[in-house]
């Protein structure tokens, strides 16, 4: 088996790549890469963005600490996910797929527990901590989308950005 295929399978951890075009799904499957069609990729991506931000941000915090994120950081991200889901719904979109609605209905401490636990998995932390630029950009895009809705607490979304690290200056 090709090393690239093995690496993809290892990193996917049982997940299948979602693709909007069935032709690509067929190609991936023929190449030995797990893939499934996603009929509404735009909505899937829109609803996944808050989780992407939270996973990357909790990983960055955990990587900086070396052992995982703090409970406080995980709670801030959990509240940010819920506010981001409120934003998506306020823009007229349903949460998709249905598992996202389950997270939306869960108490913040349940979502925080998931994030806190995931931040303690070294391979998860190391892989997703590389997405700081994407994380910051997604937060900016979500925050900009709140301008049309004053019921959204933009500070909860902005709080999902990774904290800036101050590096000492040499004199």
Foldseek 3Di string as FASTA:
>chain_A
DDPVQVVQCVVCVPPAAEDQDVVVCVVCVVVVGGYDYDPCVVLQCLLCLLVLLLLQQQLLQLVVVVQTHDLVLLLLSLLLNLLLQVLCVVVPDHRPDPVSVVSNPDPSSVSSVVSRVQSRPNVSSVVSPVCLVVSQVSLVVSLVSCPVPPVRDNVSSNSSRHDDDDDDDDD
